[in-house]
Protein backbone atom coordinates (compact mmCIF):
# COMPACT_ATOMS: atom_id res chain seq x y z
CA MET A 1 266.63 85.50 270.39
CA THR A 2 264.96 82.44 271.86
CA GLU A 3 261.55 81.65 270.36
CA GLN A 4 258.83 81.63 273.01
CA THR A 5 256.71 78.48 273.17
CA VAL A 6 253.01 79.18 273.02
CA HIS A 7 251.14 77.28 275.70
CA ARG A 8 247.45 76.54 275.47
CA PRO A 9 245.52 75.76 278.59
CA PHE A 10 244.10 72.27 278.80
CA ALA A 11 240.44 72.01 277.98
CA PHE A 12 238.53 68.84 278.66
CA ASP A 13 236.21 68.95 275.68
CA THR A 14 235.30 65.29 275.37
CA GLU A 15 231.56 64.75 275.84
CA PHE A 16 229.95 61.56 277.19
CA ASP A 17 226.37 60.46 277.43
CA VAL A 18 224.74 59.11 280.58
CA SER A 19 225.97 55.65 279.86
CA GLY A 20 229.58 56.78 279.51
CA VAL A 21 229.81 56.49 275.73
CA VAL A 22 231.87 59.23 274.03
CA VAL A 23 229.54 61.49 272.07
CA THR A 24 231.99 64.18 270.94
CA PRO A 25 235.67 63.31 271.05
CA SER A 26 238.20 65.87 272.03
CA GLY A 27 239.74 67.99 269.28
CA PHE A 28 243.06 68.07 271.03
CA ARG A 29 245.89 66.39 269.19
CA PRO A 30 249.26 66.36 270.84
CA ILE A 31 252.21 67.56 268.76
CA LYS A 32 254.37 64.67 267.70
CA ARG A 33 257.92 65.42 268.61
CA SER A 34 259.66 62.24 267.56
CA TYR A 35 259.52 60.20 264.36
CA SER A 36 260.83 56.83 263.41
CA PRO A 37 263.21 56.51 260.42
CA ALA A 38 260.44 55.01 258.32
CA GLU A 39 258.13 57.91 259.12
CA VAL A 40 260.87 60.40 258.23
CA GLU A 41 261.41 58.70 254.87
CA ALA A 42 257.67 58.75 254.19
CA LEU A 43 257.44 62.45 255.04
CA LEU A 44 260.42 63.21 252.80
CA ALA A 45 258.89 61.24 249.93
CA GLN A 46 255.59 63.10 250.37
CA ALA A 47 257.41 66.45 250.44
CA ARG A 48 259.36 65.58 247.29
CA LEU A 49 256.13 64.55 245.53
CA GLU A 50 254.38 67.76 246.49
CA ALA A 51 257.39 69.83 245.43
CA ARG A 52 257.53 68.03 242.08
CA GLU A 53 253.82 68.57 241.47
CA THR A 54 254.18 72.26 242.31
CA ALA A 55 257.18 72.63 239.97
CA LEU A 56 255.37 70.85 237.12
CA ALA A 57 252.36 73.10 237.58
CA GLU A 58 254.60 76.15 237.39
CA VAL A 59 256.32 74.78 234.27
CA GLU A 60 252.97 74.17 232.58
CA SER A 61 251.90 77.69 233.44
CA LEU A 62 255.12 79.10 231.97
CA GLN A 63 254.67 76.98 228.84
CA ALA A 64 251.13 78.26 228.38
CA MET A 65 252.33 81.84 228.79
CA ALA A 66 255.16 81.26 226.28
CA ILE A 67 252.81 79.69 223.71
CA THR A 68 250.43 82.63 224.10
CA ALA A 69 253.28 85.09 223.59
CA ILE A 70 254.49 83.21 220.50
CA GLY A 71 250.96 83.18 219.06
CA GLU A 72 250.59 86.92 219.61
CA ALA A 73 253.98 87.57 217.98
CA VAL A 74 253.11 85.41 214.96
CA ALA A 75 249.70 87.05 214.61
CA SER A 76 251.23 90.54 214.74
CA GLY A 77 253.96 89.63 212.22
CA ALA A 78 251.79 87.66 209.79
CA PRO A 79 250.57 90.68 207.74
CA ALA A 80 254.11 91.97 207.24
CA LEU A 81 255.32 88.49 206.31
CA THR A 82 252.46 88.12 203.82
CA GLN A 83 253.34 91.44 202.20
CA LEU A 84 257.00 90.44 202.04
CA ILE A 85 256.15 87.12 200.37
CA GLN A 86 253.88 88.86 197.86
CA LEU A 87 256.58 91.43 197.08
CA HIS A 88 259.11 88.64 196.56
CA ARG A 89 256.74 86.85 194.18
CA GLN A 90 256.12 90.02 192.21
CA GLN A 91 259.81 90.82 191.87
CA ALA A 92 260.69 87.23 190.94
CA SER A 93 257.87 87.11 188.37
CA HIS A 94 258.86 90.43 186.80
CA LEU A 95 262.49 89.31 186.66
CA ALA A 96 261.47 86.04 184.97
CA LEU A 97 259.26 87.91 182.49
CA SER A 98 262.06 90.36 181.69
CA ALA A 99 264.50 87.50 181.13
CA ALA A 100 261.96 85.71 178.94
CA ARG A 101 261.48 88.89 176.91
CA VAL A 102 265.23 89.14 176.27
CA VAL A 103 265.41 85.49 175.25
CA ALA A 104 262.33 85.86 173.04
CA ALA A 105 263.76 88.95 171.34
CA ALA A 106 267.01 87.12 170.60
CA ALA A 107 265.06 84.13 169.26
CA LEU A 108 262.91 86.37 167.02
CA ASP A 109 266.03 88.08 165.67
CA ARG A 110 267.53 84.71 164.83
CA PHE A 111 264.32 83.01 163.63
CA PRO A 112 261.93 85.78 162.50
CA ASP A 113 259.76 83.29 160.61
CA GLY A 114 258.97 81.24 163.70
CA PRO A 115 255.78 83.09 164.72
CA LEU A 116 254.46 83.07 161.13
CA GLN A 117 255.09 79.33 160.83
CA ALA A 118 253.31 78.69 164.13
CA ALA A 119 250.41 80.89 163.03
CA LEU A 120 250.04 79.08 159.71
CA GLU A 121 250.03 75.72 161.48
CA ALA A 122 247.43 76.97 163.97
CA LEU A 123 245.27 78.42 161.18
CA GLY A 124 245.47 75.42 158.88
CA GLN A 125 241.73 74.71 158.85
CA GLU A 126 240.83 78.42 158.84
CA ILE A 127 242.73 79.27 155.66
CA ASP A 128 242.59 75.89 153.92
CA ALA A 129 239.56 76.73 151.79
CA THR A 130 240.35 80.39 151.07
CA PRO A 131 241.68 81.17 147.58
CA ARG A 132 243.90 84.07 148.66
CA LEU A 133 246.04 84.92 151.68
CA VAL A 134 247.50 88.39 152.29
CA ILE A 135 250.62 88.71 154.44
CA ARG A 136 251.55 92.14 155.80
CA SER A 137 254.96 92.53 157.35
CA ALA A 138 258.14 94.60 157.29
CA GLY A 139 261.22 93.79 155.23
CA LEU A 140 259.44 91.71 152.60
CA ASP A 141 262.25 91.32 150.11
CA GLU A 142 262.30 88.57 147.49
CA VAL A 143 264.12 86.11 149.73
CA VAL A 144 261.66 86.63 152.57
CA GLN A 145 258.67 86.30 150.25
CA THR A 146 260.01 83.05 148.87
CA ARG A 147 260.54 81.69 152.36
CA MET A 148 257.03 82.72 153.49
CA THR A 149 255.48 81.20 150.39
CA GLN A 150 257.29 77.97 151.20
CA LEU A 151 255.99 78.11 154.79
CA CYS A 152 252.42 78.51 153.49
CA ALA A 153 252.87 75.51 151.22
CA GLU A 154 254.30 73.43 154.06
CA ALA A 155 251.29 74.39 156.19
CA GLY A 156 248.97 73.00 153.47
CA PHE A 157 247.81 76.29 151.90
CA SER A 158 247.55 75.93 148.14
CA GLY A 159 245.98 79.30 147.23
CA LEU A 160 247.53 82.59 146.14
CA VAL A 161 249.85 84.33 148.61
CA ALA A 162 249.99 88.15 148.31
CA PHE A 163 252.48 90.31 150.19
CA ARG A 164 252.01 93.86 151.48
CA GLU A 165 254.96 95.83 152.87
CA ASP A 166 254.33 97.60 156.18
CA ALA A 167 257.44 99.33 157.48
CA ASP A 168 255.72 100.31 160.75
CA LEU A 169 255.55 96.70 161.97
CA PRO A 170 258.40 95.53 164.24
CA VAL A 171 260.62 92.53 163.57
CA ALA A 172 258.68 89.22 163.42
CA ALA A 173 255.33 91.03 163.52
CA PHE A 174 252.81 90.25 160.79
CA GLN A 175 249.17 90.43 159.78
CA LEU A 176 247.35 87.68 157.90
CA GLU A 177 244.15 88.42 156.01
CA TRP A 178 241.90 86.04 154.12
CA ALA A 179 238.34 86.04 152.83
CA ASP A 180 236.51 85.67 156.15
CA GLY A 181 239.05 86.44 158.84
CA ARG A 182 242.34 87.94 159.90
CA ALA A 183 245.12 87.24 162.38
CA ALA A 184 247.92 89.39 163.72
CA PHE A 185 251.01 89.00 165.84
CA ASP A 186 252.98 91.81 167.50
CA PRO A 187 255.77 90.97 169.98
CA GLU A 188 255.26 94.19 171.92
CA ALA A 189 251.50 93.65 172.20
CA ALA A 190 252.10 90.03 173.18
CA HIS A 191 254.48 91.14 175.94
CA ALA A 192 251.93 93.69 177.17
CA ARG A 193 249.20 91.03 177.34
CA MET A 194 251.46 88.61 179.19
CA SER A 195 252.47 91.37 181.64
CA GLU A 196 248.80 92.13 182.24
CA ALA A 197 248.03 88.44 182.73
CA LEU A 198 250.93 88.10 185.17
CA ALA A 199 249.78 91.14 187.16
CA SER A 200 246.25 89.73 187.27
CA ALA A 201 247.54 86.34 188.43
CA LEU A 202 249.61 87.93 191.20
CA ALA A 203 246.68 90.07 192.30
CA THR A 204 244.39 87.04 192.30
CA GLU A 205 246.92 85.15 194.41
CA ALA A 206 246.89 88.03 196.87
CA GLY A 207 243.11 87.73 197.04
CA HIS A 208 241.96 91.11 195.78
CA ALA A 209 241.34 90.87 192.06
CA GLU A 210 239.36 89.06 189.43
CA THR A 211 240.55 85.73 188.09
CA LEU A 212 242.28 85.36 184.75
CA SER A 213 240.29 84.74 181.63
CA ASP A 214 240.68 81.37 179.92
CA GLY A 215 242.74 82.76 177.05
CA ALA A 216 244.92 85.17 179.00
CA LEU A 217 248.05 83.04 178.76
CA ARG A 218 247.50 81.26 175.46
CA TRP A 219 249.69 81.72 172.42
CA PRO A 220 249.44 85.49 171.68
CA LEU A 221 247.97 85.32 168.17
CA MET A 222 245.05 87.69 167.71
CA ILE A 223 242.36 86.09 165.49
CA CYS A 224 239.06 87.66 164.58
CA PRO A 225 236.47 87.07 161.86
CA LEU A 226 235.93 89.65 159.12
CA ARG A 227 232.59 90.97 157.97
CA SER A 228 231.87 91.28 154.26
CA SER A 229 232.83 94.98 154.37
CA GLN A 230 236.21 94.06 155.91
CA THR A 231 237.36 91.83 153.09
CA PRO A 232 241.10 92.56 152.56
CA GLN A 233 241.82 94.90 149.72
CA PRO A 234 244.35 93.94 147.03
């Protein structure tokens, strides 16, 4: 179907003043029907530039929409990811603590005097002036007593060492008593305190618990002073 050409009647709309000077020029602009090669190239360059600017604007809009979608996805998945990380930390920490407990138990079976030696070295100044030291532990045969007496001497204690058998204490556990204080070590209690400290540390890291106390992860030797009524009995 042939397109019909729309014709507009001619209107002489140019206005002149009395002296013949154009006051209002005509708004009629004839349609240009022929272009030179240079004009065609200029029009093509302008069209390419406009098309490029339009495409870049669309790309920027798509990029902004994609970034917004990524941000929303990250925000919605962040809580689940945080919980997963916290769960991984808890499981890894419990696994490490369990492995450490196995290693510690094997070490205590092989070197049961290790905790006592460390305690005597730590308590050197506490027990140095006391005339008598009482050691309560399990399996205090003559060989063990001789070895413990030697450990006390190596730690610098020159007083009397008395031994009290306590079959209820586990392997490597002991209680030390002197004139104005006492100390005790129990592997099970030490493990319980370290487990509690680990749980507190993990909860603190998650942001919903109190912080650890200063001595929560120190060497698990319980030391406390004795009143006059708590002086160890012979």
